[in-house]
């Protein structure tokens, strides 16, 4: 199911990429809050078994996966070198202290200007909050895009270059 769009589809159709990619599928009827520790365990297993630099791990999500990415990044901010959020909202359960923990993580947010599921104003408010807390946030609106902009976003060479260049800013014990 994940191969239908976004980064999984881009990775699947690419011949060679300079990174390792993992895309867990959320079981039906569960939330990323329920499975947060499973994602961290998967990440630890991949770091132990693959040639992965733990200081260069990027967390990303599309739509519902974005809520999970925000939650996991805010709960484990020292683990990630960046966060990419596409067509998804920040969970309302995140407190300002959790958002403040994200200030060391560069964040890329993408949203379609015609996304009927997510008001631009809601996203702009989060962007303003994160920037006010000292975060580095790039917010890109694709004016003609609807909710399903993931293919366009992830195949953009600028984002691919950004993914490759990220490295954790501070060395935080994990």
C-alpha atoms as a PDB file:
ATOM      1  CA  UNK A   1       0.000   0.000   0.000  1.00  0.00           C
ATOM      2  CA  UNK A   2       2.839   2.383   0.809  1.00  0.00           C
ATOM      3  CA  UNK A   3       4.225   2.124  -2.717  1.00  0.00           C
ATOM      4  CA  UNK A   4       1.218   4.011  -4.125  1.00  0.00           C
ATOM      5  CA  UNK A   5       2.695   7.477  -3.550  1.00  0.00           C
ATOM      6  CA  UNK A   6       5.292   9.664  -1.956  1.00  0.00           C
ATOM      7  CA  UNK A   7       8.731   8.697  -0.823  1.00  0.00           C
ATOM      8  CA  UNK A   8       8.148   4.906  -0.905  1.00  0.00           C
ATOM      9  CA  UNK A   9       7.061   5.167  -4.540  1.00  0.00           C
ATOM     10  CA  UNK A  10       9.978   7.446  -5.388  1.00  0.00           C
ATOM     11  CA  UNK A  11      12.473   5.078  -3.736  1.00  0.00           C
ATOM     12  CA  UNK A  12      10.888   2.035  -5.372  1.00  0.00           C
ATOM     13  CA  UNK A  13      11.140   3.585  -8.840  1.00  0.00           C
ATOM     14  CA  UNK A  14      14.674   4.984  -8.392  1.00  0.00           C
ATOM     15  CA  UNK A  15      17.629   2.959  -9.600  1.00  0.00           C
ATOM     16  CA  UNK A  16      20.109   4.024  -6.933  1.00  0.00           C
ATOM     17  CA  UNK A  17      19.887   6.387  -3.993  1.00  0.00           C
ATOM     18  CA  UNK A  18      22.591   7.432  -1.527  1.00  0.00           C
ATOM     19  CA  UNK A  19      20.512   6.523   1.516  1.00  0.00           C
ATOM     20  CA  UNK A  20      18.734   3.681   3.227  1.00  0.00           C
ATOM     21  CA  UNK A  21      14.978   4.010   3.464  1.00  0.00           C
ATOM     22  CA  UNK A  22      12.461   2.354   5.777  1.00  0.00           C
ATOM     23  CA  UNK A  23       8.689   2.857   5.703  1.00  0.00           C
ATOM     24  CA  UNK A  24       6.722   1.115   8.435  1.00  0.00           C
ATOM     25  CA  UNK A  25       2.998   0.654   7.795  1.00  0.00           C
ATOM     26  CA  UNK A  26       0.677   1.584  10.640  1.00  0.00           C
ATOM     27  CA  UNK A  27      -1.664  -1.316  11.481  1.00  0.00           C
ATOM     28  CA  UNK A  28      -5.328  -0.495  10.924  1.00  0.00           C
ATOM     29  CA  UNK A  29      -7.057   0.879  14.002  1.00  0.00           C
ATOM     30  CA  UNK A  30      -3.814   1.995  15.673  1.00  0.00           C
ATOM     31  CA  UNK A  31      -2.038   5.310  16.000  1.00  0.00           C
ATOM     32  CA  UNK A  32       1.616   6.229  15.824  1.00  0.00           C
ATOM     33  CA  UNK A  33       1.420   7.008  19.540  1.00  0.00           C
ATOM     34  CA  UNK A  34       0.570   3.312  20.037  1.00  0.00           C
ATOM     35  CA  UNK A  35       3.494   2.207  17.849  1.00  0.00           C
ATOM     36  CA  UNK A  36       6.116   4.854  18.683  1.00  0.00           C
ATOM     37  CA  UNK A  37       8.417   2.449  20.517  1.00  0.00           C
ATOM     38  CA  UNK A  38       8.127  -0.078  17.688  1.00  0.00           C
ATOM     39  CA  UNK A  39       9.390   2.565  15.262  1.00  0.00           C
ATOM     40  CA  UNK A  40      12.303   3.395  17.564  1.00  0.00           C
ATOM     41  CA  UNK A  41      13.093  -0.345  17.937  1.00  0.00           C
ATOM     42  CA  UNK A  42      13.038  -0.720  14.133  1.00  0.00           C
ATOM     43  CA  UNK A  43      15.364   2.260  13.835  1.00  0.00           C
ATOM     44  CA  UNK A  44      17.755   0.778  16.409  1.00  0.00           C
ATOM     45  CA  UNK A  45      17.713  -2.561  14.580  1.00  0.00           C
ATOM     46  CA  UNK A  46      18.470  -0.880  11.256  1.00  0.00           C
ATOM     47  CA  UNK A  47      21.325   1.121  12.784  1.00  0.00           C
ATOM     48  CA  UNK A  48      22.790  -2.103  14.235  1.00  0.00           C
ATOM     49  CA  UNK A  49      22.411  -4.138  11.041  1.00  0.00           C
ATOM     50  CA  UNK A  50      22.978  -1.650   8.203  1.00  0.00           C
ATOM     51  CA  UNK A  51      25.706   0.894   7.355  1.00  0.00           C
ATOM     52  CA  UNK A  52      23.694   3.788   8.809  1.00  0.00           C
ATOM     53  CA  UNK A  53      25.179   6.912  10.368  1.00  0.00           C
ATOM     54  CA  UNK A  54      22.891   7.567  13.371  1.00  0.00           C
ATOM     55  CA  UNK A  55      23.614  11.306  13.151  1.00  0.00           C
ATOM     56  CA  UNK A  56      22.040  11.524   9.668  1.00  0.00           C
ATOM     57  CA  UNK A  57      18.587  10.013  10.209  1.00  0.00           C
ATOM     58  CA  UNK A  58      15.651  11.923   8.734  1.00  0.00           C
ATOM     59  CA  UNK A  59      12.068  11.284   9.807  1.00  0.00           C
ATOM     60  CA  UNK A  60       9.297  11.957   7.322  1.00  0.00           C
ATOM     61  CA  UNK A  61       5.600  11.424   6.937  1.00  0.00           C
ATOM     62  CA  UNK A  62       2.795  11.966   4.488  1.00  0.00           C
ATOM     63  CA  UNK A  63      -0.809  12.633   5.569  1.00  0.00           C
ATOM     64  CA  UNK A  64      -1.528  10.472   8.641  1.00  0.00           C
ATOM     65  CA  UNK A  65       2.148   9.509   8.700  1.00  0.00           C
ATOM     66  CA  UNK A  66       3.001  13.148   9.272  1.00  0.00           C
ATOM     67  CA  UNK A  67       1.230  13.128  12.633  1.00  0.00           C
ATOM     68  CA  UNK A  68       3.337  10.116  13.557  1.00  0.00           C
ATOM     69  CA  UNK A  69       6.540  11.768  12.379  1.00  0.00           C
ATOM     70  CA  UNK A  70       5.813  14.873  14.465  1.00  0.00           C
ATOM     71  CA  UNK A  71       4.990  12.782  17.534  1.00  0.00           C
ATOM     72  CA  UNK A  72       8.063  10.566  17.244  1.00  0.00           C
ATOM     73  CA  UNK A  73      10.426  13.470  16.518  1.00  0.00           C
ATOM     74  CA  UNK A  74       9.066  15.474  19.464  1.00  0.00           C
ATOM     75  CA  UNK A  75       9.347  12.434  21.758  1.00  0.00           C
ATOM     76  CA  UNK A  76      12.902  11.564  20.624  1.00  0.00           C
ATOM     77  CA  UNK A  77      14.386  14.833  19.282  1.00  0.00           C
ATOM     78  CA  UNK A  78      18.005  13.798  19.797  1.00  0.00           C
ATOM     79  CA  UNK A  79      17.592  10.938  17.340  1.00  0.00           C
ATOM     80  CA  UNK A  80      16.919  12.898  14.164  1.00  0.00           C
ATOM     81  CA  UNK A  81      18.823  15.163  11.794  1.00  0.00           C
ATOM     82  CA  UNK A  82      15.672  16.460  10.119  1.00  0.00           C
ATOM     83  CA  UNK A  83      11.935  16.181   9.752  1.00  0.00           C
ATOM     84  CA  UNK A  84       9.897  16.341   6.546  1.00  0.00           C
ATOM     85  CA  UNK A  85       6.132  16.786   6.935  1.00  0.00           C
ATOM     86  CA  UNK A  86       3.922  16.484   3.858  1.00  0.00           C
ATOM     87  CA  UNK A  87       0.171  17.188   3.884  1.00  0.00           C
ATOM     88  CA  UNK A  88      -0.294  16.521   7.557  1.00  0.00           C
ATOM     89  CA  UNK A  89      -0.974  18.256  10.804  1.00  0.00           C
ATOM     90  CA  UNK A  90       0.889  18.422  14.064  1.00  0.00           C
ATOM     91  CA  UNK A  91      -0.983  16.375  16.675  1.00  0.00           C
ATOM     92  CA  UNK A  92      -2.875  18.605  19.085  1.00  0.00           C
ATOM     93  CA  UNK A  93      -1.580  16.394  21.916  1.00  0.00           C
ATOM     94  CA  UNK A  94       1.942  17.819  21.525  1.00  0.00           C
ATOM     95  CA  UNK A  95       2.692  20.338  24.227  1.00  0.00           C
ATOM     96  CA  UNK A  96       4.796  23.452  23.741  1.00  0.00           C
ATOM     97  CA  UNK A  97       7.710  21.819  25.603  1.00  0.00           C
ATOM     98  CA  UNK A  98       7.664  18.977  23.060  1.00  0.00           C
ATOM     99  CA  UNK A  99       7.538  21.453  20.193  1.00  0.00           C
ATOM    100  CA  UNK A 100      10.428  23.375  21.771  1.00  0.00           C
ATOM    101  CA  UNK A 101      12.467  20.148  21.760  1.00  0.00           C
ATOM    102  CA  UNK A 102      12.282  20.251  17.954  1.00  0.00           C
ATOM    103  CA  UNK A 103      14.316  23.463  17.687  1.00  0.00           C
ATOM    104  CA  UNK A 104      17.518  21.519  16.988  1.00  0.00           C
ATOM    105  CA  UNK A 105      15.925  19.638  14.088  1.00  0.00           C
ATOM    106  CA  UNK A 106      15.647  21.367  10.693  1.00  0.00           C
ATOM    107  CA  UNK A 107      12.074  20.943   9.473  1.00  0.00           C
ATOM    108  CA  UNK A 108      10.629  21.004   5.972  1.00  0.00           C
ATOM    109  CA  UNK A 109       6.841  21.353   5.751  1.00  0.00           C
ATOM    110  CA  UNK A 110       4.951  20.968   2.472  1.00  0.00           C
ATOM    111  CA  UNK A 111       1.279  21.585   1.868  1.00  0.00           C
ATOM    112  CA  UNK A 112      -1.004  21.923  -1.117  1.00  0.00           C
ATOM    113  CA  UNK A 113      -2.707  25.299  -1.443  1.00  0.00           C
ATOM    114  CA  UNK A 114      -5.937  23.509  -2.343  1.00  0.00           C
ATOM    115  CA  UNK A 115      -5.753  20.871   0.391  1.00  0.00           C
ATOM    116  CA  UNK A 116      -9.298  20.653   1.741  1.00  0.00           C
ATOM    117  CA  UNK A 117      -8.210  18.437   4.644  1.00  0.00           C
ATOM    118  CA  UNK A 118      -5.716  20.885   6.135  1.00  0.00           C
ATOM    119  CA  UNK A 119      -6.165  24.665   6.386  1.00  0.00           C
ATOM    120  CA  UNK A 120      -3.038  26.664   5.511  1.00  0.00           C
ATOM    121  CA  UNK A 121      -3.714  28.858   8.563  1.00  0.00           C
ATOM    122  CA  UNK A 122      -3.328  25.877  10.916  1.00  0.00           C
ATOM    123  CA  UNK A 123       0.008  24.961   9.389  1.00  0.00           C
ATOM    124  CA  UNK A 124       1.196  28.574   9.396  1.00  0.00           C
ATOM    125  CA  UNK A 125       0.375  28.802  13.105  1.00  0.00           C
ATOM    126  CA  UNK A 126       2.601  25.786  13.842  1.00  0.00           C
ATOM    127  CA  UNK A 127       5.357  27.233  11.648  1.00  0.00           C
ATOM    128  CA  UNK A 128       5.163  30.524  13.560  1.00  0.00           C
ATOM    129  CA  UNK A 129       5.179  28.711  16.909  1.00  0.00           C
ATOM    130  CA  UNK A 130       8.208  26.617  15.983  1.00  0.00           C
ATOM    131  CA  UNK A 131      10.105  29.620  14.653  1.00  0.00           C
ATOM    132  CA  UNK A 132       9.203  31.553  17.816  1.00  0.00           C
ATOM    133  CA  UNK A 133      10.745  28.734  19.857  1.00  0.00           C
ATOM    134  CA  UNK A 134      13.974  29.022  17.859  1.00  0.00           C
ATOM    135  CA  UNK A 135      13.303  26.304  15.310  1.00  0.00           C
ATOM    136  CA  UNK A 136      14.485  26.214  11.705  1.00  0.00           C
ATOM    137  CA  UNK A 137      11.398  25.643   9.589  1.00  0.00           C
ATOM    138  CA  UNK A 138      10.925  25.901   5.837  1.00  0.00           C
ATOM    139  CA  UNK A 139       7.254  26.009   4.830  1.00  0.00           C
ATOM    140  CA  UNK A 140       6.455  25.403   1.179  1.00  0.00           C
ATOM    141  CA  UNK A 141       2.948  25.750  -0.222  1.00  0.00           C
ATOM    142  CA  UNK A 142       2.318  24.246  -3.638  1.00  0.00           C
ATOM    143  CA  UNK A 143      -0.418  26.676  -4.776  1.00  0.00           C
ATOM    144  CA  UNK A 144      -2.204  24.280  -7.133  1.00  0.00           C
ATOM    145  CA  UNK A 145      -1.631  21.186  -5.024  1.00  0.00           C
ATOM    146  CA  UNK A 146      -4.324  19.307  -3.157  1.00  0.00           C
ATOM    147  CA  UNK A 147      -3.729  16.809  -0.331  1.00  0.00           C
ATOM    148  CA  UNK A 148      -1.887  14.352  -2.601  1.00  0.00           C
ATOM    149  CA  UNK A 149       1.315  16.303  -3.315  1.00  0.00           C
ATOM    150  CA  UNK A 150       3.708  13.667  -1.975  1.00  0.00           C
ATOM    151  CA  UNK A 151       4.939  12.459  -5.373  1.00  0.00           C
ATOM    152  CA  UNK A 152       5.818  15.995  -6.417  1.00  0.00           C
ATOM    153  CA  UNK A 153       7.436  16.832  -3.073  1.00  0.00           C
ATOM    154  CA  UNK A 154       9.623  13.750  -2.663  1.00  0.00           C
ATOM    155  CA  UNK A 155      10.807  13.663  -6.272  1.00  0.00           C
ATOM    156  CA  UNK A 156      11.991  17.295  -6.096  1.00  0.00           C
ATOM    157  CA  UNK A 157      15.795  17.327  -6.519  1.00  0.00           C
ATOM    158  CA  UNK A 158      16.088  20.165  -3.976  1.00  0.00           C
ATOM    159  CA  UNK A 159      14.441  18.080  -1.269  1.00  0.00           C
ATOM    160  CA  UNK A 160      16.513  15.035  -2.216  1.00  0.00           C
ATOM    161  CA  UNK A 161      19.669  17.156  -1.859  1.00  0.00           C
ATOM    162  CA  UNK A 162      18.420  18.494   1.497  1.00  0.00           C
ATOM    163  CA  UNK A 163      17.868  14.922   2.746  1.00  0.00           C
ATOM    164  CA  UNK A 164      21.429  13.970   1.831  1.00  0.00           C
ATOM    165  CA  UNK A 165      23.018  17.031   3.457  1.00  0.00           C
ATOM    166  CA  UNK A 166      21.385  16.830   6.886  1.00  0.00           C
ATOM    167  CA  UNK A 167      23.332  15.827   9.960  1.00  0.00           C
ATOM    168  CA  UNK A 168      22.346  16.223  13.599  1.00  0.00           C
ATOM    169  CA  UNK A 169      23.366  19.637  14.872  1.00  0.00           C
ATOM    170  CA  UNK A 170      24.165  18.586  18.389  1.00  0.00           C
ATOM    171  CA  UNK A 171      25.374  15.294  19.708  1.00  0.00           C
ATOM    172  CA  UNK A 172      22.702  14.204  22.108  1.00  0.00           C
ATOM    173  CA  UNK A 173      22.943  10.865  23.868  1.00  0.00           C
ATOM    174  CA  UNK A 174      20.311   8.433  22.611  1.00  0.00           C
END
